[in-house]
Structure formats: structure tokens, C-alpha cells
């Protein structure tokens, strides 16, 4: 049996205070200094992952740096921290290790980390893309939208995940806008898509302008601060937020009951899995990046996968087939760490129809 490990880190300051209760009473700067000094930690053992063909077990290993520190601290320092966590995974007996959240973004997206470890490494980004696209399509369908006739926006379109998301969506989409900060890279990718798929896309660096008429949004930046504000979205919009930390403001929960926000990459894991750690999901579900690490272990694909900034559509298609083989599947919809019911989806749809009708009447 091949084994795996998955490297995680606290996303927000509050995640640290939940782990160490005393931190609630201390200044934030003190807390940040405290976690910076902590070594990598084994968080829990993961058991019960089993398909018809194989089984695996693994561990969560934590790098105790919050998201803002992952971005702001010197790159070499952060990478060394991640490598130490990878070394701990080796000692635990893992054959492959997955890089969670911003550990897969720092530096060259896992390549240097892989060179410094004696086990295989993956970012999990290929299966994250696969489940994000699948989830987005299903969410759009439930909101009465056909991807072939919808205005689609991909934010972070020149990143490793964004580029592949856009290319896969272009198989069916007719109307697409790509958003990224670097205009030159945007233009280069636009030309690539035109030659590869025949789709002529719009490009912009202005998120608010791009979202005015967007029906479907896939957002995949690695920004620390939120990118999408509630007022940017039109009624009935479907937003798949693949990014960690989130790209979309949490204010949307209270301010916009007429848009459907889902988290990309929520997966039901086969077997009687127990993570022995609560990361906010229902039992037996995980992020897709975690699932990719498990899939590769179960398939015996002990090799570097989904590393660097040049992911491919072929990799996404391949990991999708392996996931289906072993019984991994989309685990329903979640929004801001909570399960979304059909009742809630129907309510969002009705609210959106009402807002659109009001807007139409006001313009007559």
C-alpha cells in the first residue's frame, strides 16, 4: 500500500486562535511571531481511504504560517519551512506528498520543493481544475444557465490553474472574458486560445468591468485579499471560487441572496475515510487537491504531478479518469465552508429572477 501526506497551513489569523485558545487574548503581531517560530507539525492520521482496486492511508502535516505570511515573508524562508514539512512526511512513511493552499503557490509552484525531497510531490491542481469545472457546470444548470450561451469570466486567467480552466471551458463556451493583471501575458494567452480552440475572447485587468454582465465566473487568483466584491455581480451569477484564500468577499453572504457562490474542488472520498481533523467539511469529503494526492497513491503513480506553472488539459483529463476509476466524485456544493441545499439554490434562483425583473421594469 502506497501512503501519502498532505501539507496544510492556517488560512487566516483566526485559525491559529482556534487551535491555541490563549491566542484569542493576545495581539495579532504576537500571534504571527509565535507561529513563525513553530516547527512543522503532524496534525492527524488519515485512514479508511479505499476503492474497489486499492487503498491508502496518510497524514496531515502543518506548516504554521498564515496566508499573509506565506506571501509577505522571504520566499526562501517559506520554501525551507515547506521542505521541512515534506521531510516530516518522509519520516512518517509517505510515498507522495500534496501541497495545500499557498504551499503550492510559493516560488516555482512546487518544483524546488520536489527537488529537495526524496518522495513524489503534487500540488493537486489538476483535479482541482476538473472538479471546479464540473461543479460550475452543474451549478449553472441548476440556475437555468446553459454554458454555451452564457457570458463566462475567468479571473486569474494567466495563472497555471486559470489558463487550463479557460481552455477547458472554451470547449463549449462562445462568450468569454479573461481577467489578469499582466496585459502582455493576457494578450499572449488570448492568441493561444484563438489558435487552439477558435474562440475569440475579451481581455481586461478590471475585475468590476468584467463582471457587469457575467453569468458564470471562475476565479483562481492567489491574492491574499478578496478580489470580488458583492456589488460587482449581477443577479443570478454563478461564481466558482477555487482560490484559497478566497477571492470573493464573505460580505456576499449577507448582502447578495441572488447569486450562487460555490467553492471549487469539494470531493467525496471513497471508503470509510476519517481525517481525524476538522477542516470545515462534512465527513468523507475533502478538497480536490487532497483527493489528487490520494488518487495518485492508490494508483501507484508515485511521481511528481501538477507541479510548476504549466499544467495541461491532458493532465486534467487523465486525473479525472483515475478519480472515476477509484470512486472519487463531486461532493455536492459548498459555499463559505457550509453545505448548500437544493432549497437554498431554489431560493437564490427566485431572488435572482425577481431582481432581474425589477431592473428590467425600472429601465422601461
Foldseek 3Di string as FASTA:
>chain_A
DAEEEEEDEAADLVVQCVVVVVCVPPDSVVSQVVLLPDAKAWDFKKDWFAFPQFGYIYTYIYNYHYLVCCPPPDLVSNLVRVLSSLVVRVVVPHQEYEYDACSQVGDQRCPVSCVSHPHAYAPLLLQLLLQLLVVQCVLCVLLVHDQQPFAEEEEPCLFLNNVLSVLVSLQRYAEYEYEDDDPVSVVVSQVVSCVPRVHRYHYDNDQLVSAQRGQEYEYEDADSDAQAELVSHAFNHEYEFAHRVTNYDPCCVVVALRYHYFYTAKKQGDTQMDNVDCPLADPRIDGSSVVLRRLCSGVVVGHHANGGGHDHNVSSVVSVVSCVVRPMDHDATDDPSHHDDSVSSVSSSVVSVVVVVVVVVVVD
